[in-house]
N, C-alpha and C. Protein backbone atom coordinates (compact mmCIF):
# COMPACT_ATOMS: atom_id res chain seq x y z
N MET A 1 126.59 33.64 100.08
CA MET A 1 127.55 33.78 101.18
C MET A 1 127.04 34.86 102.14
N LYS A 2 126.77 34.51 103.35
CA LYS A 2 126.29 35.51 104.30
C LYS A 2 127.45 36.39 104.78
N LYS A 3 127.10 37.62 105.14
CA LYS A 3 128.08 38.58 105.62
C LYS A 3 128.23 38.42 107.14
N ILE A 4 129.47 38.48 107.60
CA ILE A 4 129.73 38.32 109.03
C ILE A 4 130.64 39.43 109.54
N THR A 5 130.77 39.47 110.87
CA THR A 5 131.71 40.36 111.52
C THR A 5 132.89 39.53 112.00
N ILE A 6 134.10 39.96 111.67
CA ILE A 6 135.31 39.26 112.10
C ILE A 6 136.07 40.17 113.06
N ALA A 7 136.24 39.71 114.29
CA ALA A 7 136.93 40.47 115.33
C ALA A 7 138.29 39.84 115.59
N ILE A 8 139.34 40.63 115.46
CA ILE A 8 140.70 40.13 115.69
C ILE A 8 141.33 40.92 116.83
N ASP A 9 141.56 40.25 117.94
CA ASP A 9 142.19 40.86 119.11
C ASP A 9 143.54 40.22 119.36
N GLY A 10 144.30 40.82 120.26
CA GLY A 10 145.58 40.22 120.63
C GLY A 10 146.59 41.25 121.07
N PHE A 11 147.76 40.76 121.40
CA PHE A 11 148.84 41.61 121.89
C PHE A 11 149.41 42.48 120.78
N SER A 12 150.17 43.49 121.17
CA SER A 12 150.78 44.39 120.19
C SER A 12 151.79 43.63 119.35
N SER A 13 151.92 44.06 118.11
CA SER A 13 152.92 43.52 117.17
C SER A 13 152.76 42.02 116.92
N THR A 14 151.51 41.55 116.90
CA THR A 14 151.26 40.15 116.52
C THR A 14 150.82 40.05 115.07
N GLY A 15 150.78 41.18 114.38
CA GLY A 15 150.38 41.15 112.97
C GLY A 15 148.88 41.17 112.77
N LYS A 16 148.14 41.69 113.75
CA LYS A 16 146.68 41.74 113.64
C LYS A 16 146.24 42.52 112.41
N SER A 17 146.85 43.68 112.22
CA SER A 17 146.44 44.53 111.10
C SER A 17 146.75 43.89 109.75
N THR A 18 147.91 43.25 109.66
CA THR A 18 148.28 42.58 108.42
C THR A 18 147.27 41.50 108.06
N LEU A 19 146.92 40.69 109.04
CA LEU A 19 145.94 39.63 108.83
C LEU A 19 144.58 40.20 108.47
N ALA A 20 144.17 41.23 109.21
CA ALA A 20 142.85 41.83 108.97
C ALA A 20 142.75 42.42 107.56
N LYS A 21 143.83 43.07 107.11
CA LYS A 21 143.84 43.63 105.76
C LYS A 21 143.73 42.53 104.71
N GLN A 22 144.46 41.43 104.92
CA GLN A 22 144.41 40.31 103.98
C GLN A 22 143.00 39.75 103.87
N LEU A 23 142.37 39.54 105.02
CA LEU A 23 141.02 38.98 105.05
C LEU A 23 140.02 39.91 104.38
N ALA A 24 140.09 41.20 104.73
CA ALA A 24 139.15 42.16 104.17
C ALA A 24 139.28 42.24 102.65
N LYS A 25 140.50 42.26 102.17
CA LYS A 25 140.72 42.33 100.72
C LYS A 25 140.18 41.09 100.02
N HIS A 26 140.45 39.92 100.59
CA HIS A 26 140.01 38.67 99.97
C HIS A 26 138.50 38.54 99.98
N LEU A 27 137.87 38.94 101.08
CA LEU A 27 136.43 38.77 101.24
C LEU A 27 135.63 39.95 100.70
N GLY A 28 136.32 41.04 100.37
CA GLY A 28 135.62 42.23 99.92
C GLY A 28 134.93 42.96 101.07
N TYR A 29 135.51 42.85 102.26
CA TYR A 29 134.95 43.46 103.46
C TYR A 29 135.61 44.80 103.75
N ILE A 30 135.00 45.57 104.64
CA ILE A 30 135.58 46.81 105.14
C ILE A 30 136.60 46.44 106.22
N TYR A 31 137.74 47.11 106.22
CA TYR A 31 138.75 46.88 107.25
C TYR A 31 138.89 48.13 108.12
N VAL A 32 138.89 47.94 109.43
CA VAL A 32 139.07 49.04 110.36
C VAL A 32 140.19 48.72 111.34
N ASP A 33 141.20 49.57 111.35
CA ASP A 33 142.35 49.45 112.25
C ASP A 33 142.07 50.30 113.48
N THR A 34 141.51 49.71 114.54
CA THR A 34 141.17 50.49 115.72
C THR A 34 142.41 50.99 116.44
N GLY A 35 143.52 50.26 116.31
CA GLY A 35 144.75 50.71 116.93
C GLY A 35 145.18 52.07 116.39
N ALA A 36 144.95 52.29 115.08
CA ALA A 36 145.28 53.56 114.46
C ALA A 36 144.45 54.68 115.07
N MET A 37 143.22 54.37 115.44
CA MET A 37 142.35 55.38 116.04
C MET A 37 142.88 55.81 117.40
N TYR A 38 143.32 54.84 118.22
CA TYR A 38 143.89 55.18 119.52
C TYR A 38 145.23 55.90 119.36
N ARG A 39 145.99 55.51 118.36
CA ARG A 39 147.25 56.19 118.09
C ARG A 39 147.01 57.64 117.66
N ALA A 40 145.94 57.87 116.92
CA ALA A 40 145.61 59.22 116.47
C ALA A 40 145.28 60.12 117.67
N ILE A 41 144.51 59.59 118.61
CA ILE A 41 144.20 60.35 119.83
C ILE A 41 145.48 60.63 120.60
N THR A 42 146.37 59.63 120.64
CA THR A 42 147.64 59.79 121.33
C THR A 42 148.49 60.88 120.70
N LEU A 43 148.56 60.87 119.36
CA LEU A 43 149.32 61.90 118.66
C LEU A 43 148.74 63.28 118.95
N PHE A 44 147.42 63.38 118.96
CA PHE A 44 146.76 64.65 119.28
C PHE A 44 147.17 65.12 120.67
N ALA A 45 147.18 64.20 121.63
CA ALA A 45 147.56 64.55 123.01
C ALA A 45 149.01 65.02 123.07
N MET A 46 149.89 64.37 122.32
CA MET A 46 151.30 64.76 122.28
C MET A 46 151.47 66.14 121.65
N GLN A 47 150.77 66.38 120.55
CA GLN A 47 150.89 67.65 119.84
C GLN A 47 150.41 68.83 120.68
N ASN A 48 149.47 68.55 121.57
CA ASN A 48 148.89 69.62 122.39
C ASN A 48 149.45 69.68 123.81
N GLY A 49 150.48 68.89 124.07
CA GLY A 49 151.13 68.93 125.38
C GLY A 49 150.33 68.32 126.50
N TYR A 50 149.42 67.39 126.15
CA TYR A 50 148.60 66.76 127.17
C TYR A 50 149.25 65.52 127.78
N ILE A 51 150.28 65.02 127.13
CA ILE A 51 150.95 63.83 127.65
C ILE A 51 152.45 63.94 127.39
N ALA A 52 153.21 63.46 128.36
CA ALA A 52 154.66 63.38 128.27
C ALA A 52 155.08 62.30 129.26
N LYS A 53 156.35 62.06 129.36
CA LYS A 53 156.82 61.05 130.29
C LYS A 53 156.44 61.46 131.71
N ASP A 54 155.72 60.56 132.42
CA ASP A 54 155.27 60.80 133.79
C ASP A 54 154.30 61.97 133.91
N PHE A 55 153.57 62.28 132.83
CA PHE A 55 152.61 63.39 132.87
C PHE A 55 151.45 63.10 131.93
N LEU A 56 150.23 63.34 132.42
CA LEU A 56 149.04 63.20 131.59
C LEU A 56 147.98 64.17 132.07
N ASP A 57 147.62 65.12 131.22
CA ASP A 57 146.57 66.07 131.51
C ASP A 57 145.26 65.49 130.99
N LYS A 58 144.69 64.59 131.77
CA LYS A 58 143.49 63.87 131.35
C LYS A 58 142.32 64.82 131.08
N ASP A 59 142.08 65.77 131.98
CA ASP A 59 140.92 66.65 131.84
C ASP A 59 140.97 67.45 130.54
N SER A 60 142.13 67.99 130.20
CA SER A 60 142.24 68.77 128.97
C SER A 60 142.01 67.91 127.74
N LEU A 61 142.53 66.68 127.77
CA LEU A 61 142.32 65.79 126.64
C LEU A 61 140.86 65.42 126.50
N VAL A 62 140.23 65.04 127.60
CA VAL A 62 138.82 64.65 127.56
C VAL A 62 137.96 65.81 127.07
N ASN A 63 138.26 67.02 127.52
CA ASN A 63 137.49 68.19 127.10
C ASN A 63 137.70 68.52 125.63
N SER A 64 138.78 67.99 125.05
CA SER A 64 139.09 68.26 123.64
C SER A 64 138.54 67.19 122.69
N LEU A 65 137.98 66.12 123.23
CA LEU A 65 137.56 65.00 122.39
C LEU A 65 136.53 65.40 121.34
N THR A 66 135.68 66.34 121.67
CA THR A 66 134.65 66.73 120.70
C THR A 66 135.24 67.46 119.49
N SER A 67 136.46 67.97 119.63
CA SER A 67 137.10 68.69 118.52
C SER A 67 137.95 67.78 117.65
N ILE A 68 138.01 66.49 118.01
CA ILE A 68 138.83 65.54 117.26
C ILE A 68 137.97 64.82 116.23
N LYS A 69 138.36 64.95 114.97
CA LYS A 69 137.65 64.29 113.88
C LYS A 69 138.57 63.22 113.28
N LEU A 70 138.17 61.98 113.39
CA LEU A 70 138.96 60.87 112.86
C LEU A 70 138.22 60.23 111.69
N TYR A 71 138.97 59.86 110.66
CA TYR A 71 138.38 59.06 109.59
C TYR A 71 139.48 58.37 108.80
N PHE A 72 139.08 57.32 108.11
CA PHE A 72 139.99 56.58 107.24
C PHE A 72 139.71 56.96 105.79
N GLN A 73 140.76 57.09 105.00
CA GLN A 73 140.61 57.37 103.58
C GLN A 73 141.44 56.38 102.78
N PHE A 74 140.80 55.71 101.85
CA PHE A 74 141.48 54.66 101.08
C PHE A 74 142.53 55.26 100.15
N ASN A 75 143.72 54.66 100.19
CA ASN A 75 144.82 55.06 99.30
C ASN A 75 144.99 53.95 98.27
N ALA A 76 144.58 54.22 97.04
CA ALA A 76 144.61 53.19 95.99
C ALA A 76 146.03 52.72 95.69
N ASP A 77 147.00 53.62 95.81
CA ASP A 77 148.39 53.24 95.52
C ASP A 77 148.92 52.26 96.56
N LEU A 78 148.53 52.45 97.81
CA LEU A 78 149.00 51.58 98.89
C LEU A 78 148.11 50.35 99.06
N GLY A 79 146.85 50.48 98.69
CA GLY A 79 145.93 49.36 98.81
C GLY A 79 145.26 49.25 100.16
N PHE A 80 145.34 50.29 100.97
CA PHE A 80 144.64 50.27 102.26
C PHE A 80 144.28 51.70 102.67
N ALA A 81 143.41 51.80 103.66
CA ALA A 81 142.94 53.11 104.12
C ALA A 81 143.92 53.69 105.14
N GLU A 82 144.20 54.98 105.00
CA GLU A 82 145.11 55.67 105.91
C GLU A 82 144.32 56.48 106.94
N MET A 83 144.97 56.72 108.09
CA MET A 83 144.33 57.43 109.20
C MET A 83 144.48 58.94 109.03
N TYR A 84 143.36 59.64 109.20
CA TYR A 84 143.35 61.10 109.14
C TYR A 84 142.87 61.67 110.47
N LEU A 85 143.55 62.70 110.93
CA LEU A 85 143.19 63.42 112.15
C LEU A 85 142.94 64.87 111.77
N ASN A 86 141.69 65.30 111.94
CA ASN A 86 141.31 66.68 111.60
C ASN A 86 141.82 67.07 110.21
N ALA A 87 141.52 66.21 109.23
CA ALA A 87 141.81 66.42 107.80
C ALA A 87 143.28 66.29 107.44
N GLU A 88 144.12 65.84 108.38
CA GLU A 88 145.55 65.66 108.10
C GLU A 88 145.92 64.18 108.08
N ASN A 89 146.61 63.75 107.04
CA ASN A 89 147.08 62.37 106.95
C ASN A 89 148.20 62.16 107.98
N ILE A 90 147.95 61.28 108.94
CA ILE A 90 148.93 61.07 110.02
C ILE A 90 149.41 59.61 110.06
N GLU A 91 149.22 58.90 108.96
CA GLU A 91 149.54 57.47 108.94
C GLU A 91 150.98 57.20 109.36
N LYS A 92 151.92 57.98 108.89
CA LYS A 92 153.33 57.76 109.24
C LYS A 92 153.62 58.20 110.67
N GLU A 93 153.07 59.34 111.07
CA GLU A 93 153.36 59.89 112.39
C GLU A 93 152.90 58.98 113.53
N ILE A 94 151.81 58.25 113.32
CA ILE A 94 151.28 57.44 114.43
C ILE A 94 152.01 56.11 114.59
N ARG A 95 152.96 55.80 113.71
CA ARG A 95 153.66 54.52 113.79
C ARG A 95 155.03 54.64 114.48
N THR A 96 155.33 55.77 115.08
CA THR A 96 156.64 55.98 115.70
C THR A 96 156.71 55.34 117.08
N ILE A 97 157.93 55.14 117.57
CA ILE A 97 158.14 54.57 118.90
C ILE A 97 157.61 55.51 119.97
N GLU A 98 157.64 56.83 119.71
CA GLU A 98 157.14 57.80 120.69
C GLU A 98 155.63 57.62 120.90
N VAL A 99 154.90 57.50 119.81
CA VAL A 99 153.46 57.27 119.94
C VAL A 99 153.20 55.92 120.59
N SER A 100 153.97 54.91 120.21
CA SER A 100 153.81 53.58 120.80
C SER A 100 154.02 53.60 122.31
N SER A 101 154.92 54.47 122.77
CA SER A 101 155.23 54.50 124.20
C SER A 101 154.11 55.11 125.03
N PHE A 102 153.20 55.86 124.39
CA PHE A 102 152.12 56.51 125.13
C PHE A 102 150.73 55.94 124.86
N VAL A 103 150.58 55.18 123.78
CA VAL A 103 149.24 54.81 123.33
C VAL A 103 148.46 53.99 124.35
N SER A 104 149.11 53.08 125.06
CA SER A 104 148.38 52.26 126.03
C SER A 104 147.85 53.11 127.19
N LYS A 105 148.57 54.17 127.54
CA LYS A 105 148.11 55.05 128.62
C LYS A 105 146.88 55.85 128.19
N ILE A 106 146.86 56.24 126.92
CA ILE A 106 145.69 56.95 126.40
C ILE A 106 144.51 55.99 126.28
N ALA A 107 144.79 54.76 125.86
CA ALA A 107 143.73 53.76 125.68
C ALA A 107 143.11 53.33 127.01
N GLU A 108 143.77 53.62 128.13
CA GLU A 108 143.21 53.32 129.45
C GLU A 108 142.03 54.22 129.80
N LEU A 109 141.97 55.39 129.20
CA LEU A 109 140.98 56.40 129.57
C LEU A 109 139.58 56.00 129.11
N SER A 110 138.66 55.88 130.04
CA SER A 110 137.30 55.44 129.73
C SER A 110 136.60 56.36 128.74
N GLU A 111 136.85 57.65 128.86
CA GLU A 111 136.20 58.61 127.97
C GLU A 111 136.67 58.42 126.52
N VAL A 112 137.95 58.14 126.36
CA VAL A 112 138.49 57.90 125.02
C VAL A 112 137.91 56.62 124.44
N ARG A 113 137.87 55.58 125.26
CA ARG A 113 137.35 54.30 124.80
C ARG A 113 135.88 54.41 124.41
N ALA A 114 135.11 55.13 125.21
CA ALA A 114 133.68 55.28 124.92
C ALA A 114 133.47 55.97 123.58
N LYS A 115 134.25 57.02 123.32
CA LYS A 115 134.12 57.76 122.05
C LYS A 115 134.44 56.86 120.87
N LEU A 116 135.54 56.11 120.98
CA LEU A 116 135.97 55.29 119.84
C LEU A 116 135.12 54.04 119.66
N VAL A 117 134.71 53.42 120.75
CA VAL A 117 133.86 52.23 120.65
C VAL A 117 132.55 52.57 119.95
N GLU A 118 131.99 53.72 120.27
CA GLU A 118 130.74 54.15 119.62
C GLU A 118 130.94 54.29 118.11
N GLN A 119 132.06 54.89 117.71
CA GLN A 119 132.35 55.04 116.28
C GLN A 119 132.56 53.68 115.62
N GLN A 120 133.26 52.80 116.30
CA GLN A 120 133.56 51.48 115.75
C GLN A 120 132.29 50.65 115.56
N GLN A 121 131.39 50.71 116.52
CA GLN A 121 130.14 49.96 116.42
C GLN A 121 129.28 50.47 115.27
N GLU A 122 129.31 51.77 115.04
CA GLU A 122 128.57 52.35 113.92
C GLU A 122 129.16 51.88 112.58
N MET A 123 130.50 51.81 112.52
CA MET A 123 131.17 51.34 111.31
C MET A 123 130.76 49.91 110.95
N GLY A 124 130.51 49.10 111.97
CA GLY A 124 130.20 47.69 111.73
C GLY A 124 128.73 47.34 111.76
N ARG A 125 127.89 48.36 111.69
CA ARG A 125 126.45 48.13 111.82
C ARG A 125 125.90 47.19 110.76
N ASN A 126 126.47 47.21 109.55
CA ASN A 126 125.96 46.39 108.45
C ASN A 126 126.79 45.13 108.20
N LYS A 127 127.62 44.77 109.16
CA LYS A 127 128.49 43.59 109.06
C LYS A 127 129.45 43.71 107.87
N ALA A 128 129.93 42.59 107.34
CA ALA A 128 130.91 42.59 106.25
C ALA A 128 132.11 43.46 106.63
N ILE A 129 132.62 43.24 107.85
CA ILE A 129 133.70 44.07 108.36
C ILE A 129 134.73 43.21 109.09
N VAL A 130 135.98 43.60 108.97
CA VAL A 130 137.07 42.98 109.73
C VAL A 130 137.68 44.08 110.58
N MET A 131 137.69 43.90 111.87
CA MET A 131 138.19 44.93 112.77
C MET A 131 139.20 44.31 113.73
N ASP A 132 140.33 44.99 113.92
CA ASP A 132 141.31 44.46 114.86
C ASP A 132 141.61 45.47 115.95
N GLY A 133 141.99 44.95 117.12
CA GLY A 133 142.28 45.81 118.26
C GLY A 133 142.55 45.01 119.51
N ARG A 134 142.06 45.52 120.65
CA ARG A 134 142.29 44.86 121.94
C ARG A 134 140.99 44.35 122.57
N ASP A 135 139.86 44.98 122.20
CA ASP A 135 138.59 44.64 122.85
C ASP A 135 137.47 44.45 121.84
N ILE A 136 137.81 44.07 120.63
CA ILE A 136 136.79 43.98 119.57
C ILE A 136 135.80 42.85 119.85
N GLY A 137 136.33 41.67 120.19
CA GLY A 137 135.46 40.53 120.44
C GLY A 137 134.80 40.53 121.81
N THR A 138 135.31 41.35 122.73
CA THR A 138 134.75 41.39 124.08
C THR A 138 133.83 42.57 124.33
N VAL A 139 134.11 43.72 123.70
CA VAL A 139 133.35 44.94 123.97
C VAL A 139 132.67 45.50 122.72
N VAL A 140 133.43 45.68 121.65
CA VAL A 140 132.88 46.34 120.46
C VAL A 140 131.86 45.45 119.76
N PHE A 141 132.25 44.21 119.47
CA PHE A 141 131.35 43.26 118.81
C PHE A 141 131.33 41.93 119.57
N PRO A 142 130.70 41.90 120.73
CA PRO A 142 130.65 40.65 121.50
C PRO A 142 129.89 39.53 120.79
N ASP A 143 129.08 39.89 119.78
CA ASP A 143 128.30 38.89 119.04
C ASP A 143 128.93 38.57 117.67
N ALA A 144 130.18 38.96 117.47
CA ALA A 144 130.85 38.68 116.20
C ALA A 144 130.84 37.19 115.91
N GLU A 145 130.60 36.85 114.64
CA GLU A 145 130.53 35.44 114.26
C GLU A 145 131.88 34.74 114.32
N LEU A 146 132.95 35.50 114.10
CA LEU A 146 134.30 34.90 114.16
C LEU A 146 135.20 35.81 114.99
N LYS A 147 135.76 35.23 116.04
CA LYS A 147 136.67 35.97 116.92
C LYS A 147 138.03 35.26 116.94
N ILE A 148 139.06 36.02 116.66
CA ILE A 148 140.43 35.51 116.67
C ILE A 148 141.22 36.24 117.74
N PHE A 149 142.03 35.51 118.49
CA PHE A 149 142.92 36.13 119.48
C PHE A 149 144.35 35.74 119.14
N MET A 150 145.16 36.74 118.81
CA MET A 150 146.52 36.48 118.34
C MET A 150 147.57 36.76 119.42
N THR A 151 148.55 35.86 119.47
CA THR A 151 149.62 36.02 120.44
C THR A 151 150.93 35.50 119.86
N ALA A 152 152.02 35.87 120.50
CA ALA A 152 153.36 35.39 120.16
C ALA A 152 154.26 35.84 121.31
N SER A 153 155.44 35.30 121.40
CA SER A 153 156.33 35.67 122.50
C SER A 153 156.72 37.14 122.38
N PRO A 154 156.98 37.82 123.52
CA PRO A 154 157.39 39.23 123.47
C PRO A 154 158.64 39.44 122.62
N GLU A 155 159.58 38.51 122.69
CA GLU A 155 160.81 38.64 121.93
C GLU A 155 160.56 38.57 120.42
N THR A 156 159.69 37.65 120.02
CA THR A 156 159.34 37.52 118.61
C THR A 156 158.65 38.78 118.11
N ARG A 157 157.73 39.29 118.89
CA ARG A 157 156.99 40.49 118.49
C ARG A 157 157.90 41.71 118.44
N ALA A 158 158.81 41.81 119.40
CA ALA A 158 159.73 42.95 119.41
C ALA A 158 160.65 42.91 118.18
N GLN A 159 161.10 41.73 117.81
CA GLN A 159 161.97 41.61 116.65
C GLN A 159 161.24 42.02 115.38
N ARG A 160 160.00 41.59 115.24
CA ARG A 160 159.20 41.97 114.08
C ARG A 160 159.01 43.49 114.00
N ARG A 161 158.67 44.06 115.14
CA ARG A 161 158.44 45.50 115.19
C ARG A 161 159.75 46.26 114.92
N PHE A 162 160.83 45.79 115.47
CA PHE A 162 162.14 46.41 115.28
C PHE A 162 162.53 46.40 113.80
N ASP A 163 162.37 45.24 113.16
CA ASP A 163 162.71 45.13 111.73
C ASP A 163 161.85 46.07 110.89
N GLU A 164 160.57 46.17 111.25
CA GLU A 164 159.65 47.03 110.52
C GLU A 164 160.04 48.50 110.65
N MET A 165 160.43 48.89 111.86
CA MET A 165 160.79 50.28 112.10
C MET A 165 162.10 50.65 111.41
N LEU A 166 163.05 49.71 111.41
CA LEU A 166 164.30 49.96 110.71
C LEU A 166 164.05 50.15 109.22
N ALA A 167 163.16 49.32 108.67
CA ALA A 167 162.82 49.41 107.25
C ALA A 167 162.18 50.75 106.91
N ASN A 168 161.51 51.35 107.90
CA ASN A 168 160.86 52.64 107.71
C ASN A 168 161.81 53.81 107.98
N GLY A 169 163.06 53.48 108.32
CA GLY A 169 164.04 54.53 108.55
C GLY A 169 164.07 55.10 109.95
N ASP A 170 163.39 54.44 110.90
CA ASP A 170 163.37 54.92 112.28
C ASP A 170 164.68 54.57 113.00
N SER A 171 165.11 55.45 113.87
CA SER A 171 166.31 55.21 114.67
C SER A 171 165.89 54.69 116.03
N VAL A 172 166.06 53.39 116.24
CA VAL A 172 165.59 52.75 117.47
C VAL A 172 166.40 51.49 117.72
N THR A 173 166.51 51.08 118.98
CA THR A 173 167.23 49.85 119.30
C THR A 173 166.25 48.73 119.60
N TYR A 174 166.71 47.50 119.45
CA TYR A 174 165.85 46.35 119.76
C TYR A 174 165.43 46.39 121.22
N GLU A 175 166.35 46.77 122.11
CA GLU A 175 166.04 46.82 123.54
C GLU A 175 164.91 47.81 123.84
N GLU A 176 164.91 48.93 123.14
CA GLU A 176 163.84 49.92 123.32
C GLU A 176 162.49 49.33 122.89
N VAL A 177 162.51 48.65 121.77
CA VAL A 177 161.27 48.08 121.24
C VAL A 177 160.75 46.97 122.16
N LEU A 178 161.65 46.12 122.65
CA LEU A 178 161.24 45.04 123.55
C LEU A 178 160.65 45.60 124.83
N ALA A 179 161.29 46.63 125.38
CA ALA A 179 160.79 47.25 126.61
C ALA A 179 159.40 47.84 126.37
N ASN A 180 159.20 48.45 125.20
CA ASN A 180 157.91 49.02 124.86
C ASN A 180 156.83 47.95 124.73
N VAL A 181 157.18 46.84 124.09
CA VAL A 181 156.24 45.72 123.93
C VAL A 181 155.82 45.18 125.30
N GLN A 182 156.78 44.99 126.18
CA GLN A 182 156.50 44.44 127.51
C GLN A 182 155.66 45.40 128.35
N GLU A 183 155.97 46.71 128.24
CA GLU A 183 155.20 47.70 128.99
C GLU A 183 153.76 47.75 128.49
N ARG A 184 153.59 47.71 127.16
CA ARG A 184 152.24 47.75 126.60
C ARG A 184 151.45 46.51 126.98
N ASP A 185 152.10 45.36 127.01
CA ASP A 185 151.43 44.13 127.43
C ASP A 185 150.86 44.28 128.84
N TYR A 186 151.69 44.83 129.73
CA TYR A 186 151.26 44.97 131.13
C TYR A 186 150.09 45.94 131.24
N ILE A 187 150.22 47.11 130.61
CA ILE A 187 149.16 48.11 130.70
C ILE A 187 147.87 47.58 130.06
N ASP A 188 147.99 46.97 128.88
CA ASP A 188 146.80 46.49 128.17
C ASP A 188 146.04 45.43 128.96
N THR A 189 146.77 44.58 129.67
CA THR A 189 146.11 43.48 130.40
C THR A 189 145.69 43.85 131.82
N HIS A 190 146.14 45.02 132.30
CA HIS A 190 145.83 45.40 133.68
C HIS A 190 144.95 46.63 133.81
N ARG A 191 144.55 47.26 132.69
CA ARG A 191 143.73 48.44 132.81
C ARG A 191 142.34 48.08 133.33
N ASP A 192 141.70 49.04 133.98
CA ASP A 192 140.38 48.80 134.58
C ASP A 192 139.29 48.71 133.53
N ASP A 193 139.39 49.55 132.51
CA ASP A 193 138.35 49.60 131.47
C ASP A 193 138.75 48.74 130.27
N SER A 194 137.99 47.70 130.01
CA SER A 194 138.19 46.82 128.85
C SER A 194 139.62 46.31 128.71
N PRO A 195 140.11 45.60 129.71
CA PRO A 195 141.48 45.05 129.59
C PRO A 195 141.56 44.01 128.47
N LEU A 196 142.78 43.81 128.00
CA LEU A 196 142.99 42.82 126.94
C LEU A 196 142.82 41.41 127.52
N VAL A 197 141.77 40.74 127.09
CA VAL A 197 141.52 39.35 127.49
C VAL A 197 140.97 38.62 126.26
N MET A 198 141.16 37.34 126.25
CA MET A 198 140.61 36.56 125.14
C MET A 198 139.15 36.23 125.42
N ALA A 199 138.28 36.52 124.47
CA ALA A 199 136.87 36.19 124.61
C ALA A 199 136.72 34.68 124.76
N ALA A 200 135.72 34.27 125.51
CA ALA A 200 135.51 32.85 125.79
C ALA A 200 135.31 32.04 124.51
N ASP A 201 134.73 32.67 123.49
CA ASP A 201 134.44 31.95 122.24
C ASP A 201 135.43 32.31 121.12
N ALA A 202 136.57 32.89 121.49
CA ALA A 202 137.59 33.23 120.49
C ALA A 202 138.50 32.04 120.22
N ILE A 203 139.10 32.05 119.05
CA ILE A 203 140.07 31.01 118.66
C ILE A 203 141.46 31.62 118.78
N GLU A 204 142.30 31.03 119.61
CA GLU A 204 143.64 31.56 119.84
C GLU A 204 144.61 31.06 118.78
N ILE A 205 145.41 31.98 118.27
CA ILE A 205 146.44 31.63 117.29
C ILE A 205 147.78 32.19 117.76
N ASP A 206 148.70 31.31 118.08
CA ASP A 206 150.07 31.71 118.42
C ASP A 206 150.86 31.66 117.12
N ASN A 207 151.25 32.83 116.62
CA ASN A 207 151.91 32.87 115.32
C ASN A 207 153.43 33.05 115.43
N SER A 208 153.99 32.65 116.58
CA SER A 208 155.44 32.76 116.77
C SER A 208 156.21 32.07 115.65
N PHE A 209 155.65 30.96 115.17
CA PHE A 209 156.36 30.17 114.16
C PHE A 209 155.53 29.97 112.89
N LEU A 210 154.58 30.87 112.67
CA LEU A 210 153.76 30.82 111.46
C LEU A 210 154.16 31.93 110.49
N THR A 211 154.12 31.65 109.21
CA THR A 211 154.33 32.70 108.22
C THR A 211 153.00 33.44 108.05
N ARG A 212 153.05 34.58 107.42
CA ARG A 212 151.82 35.34 107.17
C ARG A 212 150.86 34.53 106.31
N GLU A 213 151.41 33.80 105.35
CA GLU A 213 150.57 33.01 104.45
C GLU A 213 149.89 31.86 105.20
N GLU A 214 150.63 31.20 106.09
CA GLU A 214 150.05 30.10 106.86
C GLU A 214 148.95 30.61 107.78
N GLN A 215 149.21 31.72 108.42
CA GLN A 215 148.23 32.32 109.32
C GLN A 215 146.97 32.73 108.57
N PHE A 216 147.15 33.36 107.42
CA PHE A 216 146.02 33.79 106.61
C PHE A 216 145.16 32.61 106.17
N LYS A 217 145.81 31.54 105.75
CA LYS A 217 145.08 30.36 105.29
C LYS A 217 144.23 29.78 106.41
N ILE A 218 144.77 29.71 107.63
CA ILE A 218 144.05 29.15 108.77
C ILE A 218 142.77 29.96 109.05
N VAL A 219 142.92 31.28 109.12
CA VAL A 219 141.79 32.13 109.48
C VAL A 219 140.78 32.24 108.32
N LEU A 220 141.27 32.26 107.10
CA LEU A 220 140.35 32.32 105.96
C LEU A 220 139.46 31.08 105.92
N GLU A 221 140.03 29.93 106.19
CA GLU A 221 139.24 28.70 106.21
C GLU A 221 138.17 28.76 107.30
N LEU A 222 138.51 29.34 108.44
CA LEU A 222 137.54 29.50 109.53
C LEU A 222 136.40 30.42 109.09
N ALA A 223 136.76 31.50 108.42
CA ALA A 223 135.75 32.47 107.97
C ALA A 223 134.85 31.86 106.90
N GLU A 224 135.44 31.15 105.96
CA GLU A 224 134.64 30.57 104.87
C GLU A 224 133.73 29.48 105.37
N GLU A 225 134.15 28.79 106.41
CA GLU A 225 133.30 27.76 107.00
C GLU A 225 132.03 28.37 107.57
N ILE A 226 132.15 29.56 108.15
CA ILE A 226 131.00 30.25 108.75
C ILE A 226 130.14 30.89 107.66
N THR A 227 130.75 31.57 106.70
CA THR A 227 129.98 32.29 105.69
C THR A 227 129.23 31.35 104.74
N SER A 228 129.72 30.14 104.60
CA SER A 228 129.08 29.20 103.67
C SER A 228 128.09 28.27 104.37
N ALA A 229 128.00 28.39 105.68
CA ALA A 229 127.11 27.50 106.44
C ALA A 229 125.65 27.82 106.17
């Protein structure tokens, strides 16, 4: 079985990470959640007062990038790798609605993208990797053997995200989550640097009416067809 690179792109809250984790576990591949990396930078900016509503101190953040150390550490109890920022586990902190409200603005910054894309490409140098994000199949791994682009209606995605946040004990309304999803869609698709677009050779999957198991089966079959060729 040959080793391949699997790139999963798509809109926020389409379950990219869930699918990527399933595939990586089944195939014995490395999984990288690039969204967590951008969220980590966002949290750093928030903690240092570089970003707030209607405010972004781009120069201070860019000048601080060299002091930011990001890495994933596998948690055997959870079964997946958690995000660490400067030796601190921030997996829970980066999943809040506050971080979600700022992450697309941070991801617009070319300097931030350049730093993270370089790290991501190094992670995938030996293939056997599943990576999800917004520009994996177009920028990070344009030669990936399998590219998936995931989508679903904004309302469906907002409901999923809302249910997930409630389960985690977050205090948030559905309307807030829907507004955040719609805002992120606009920013992600309209930014100048690496906007969210489907790669020409990607396979689009609308999972509005698919279960996680159905979605996993579809993509696994696509992957196995390539690895066994």
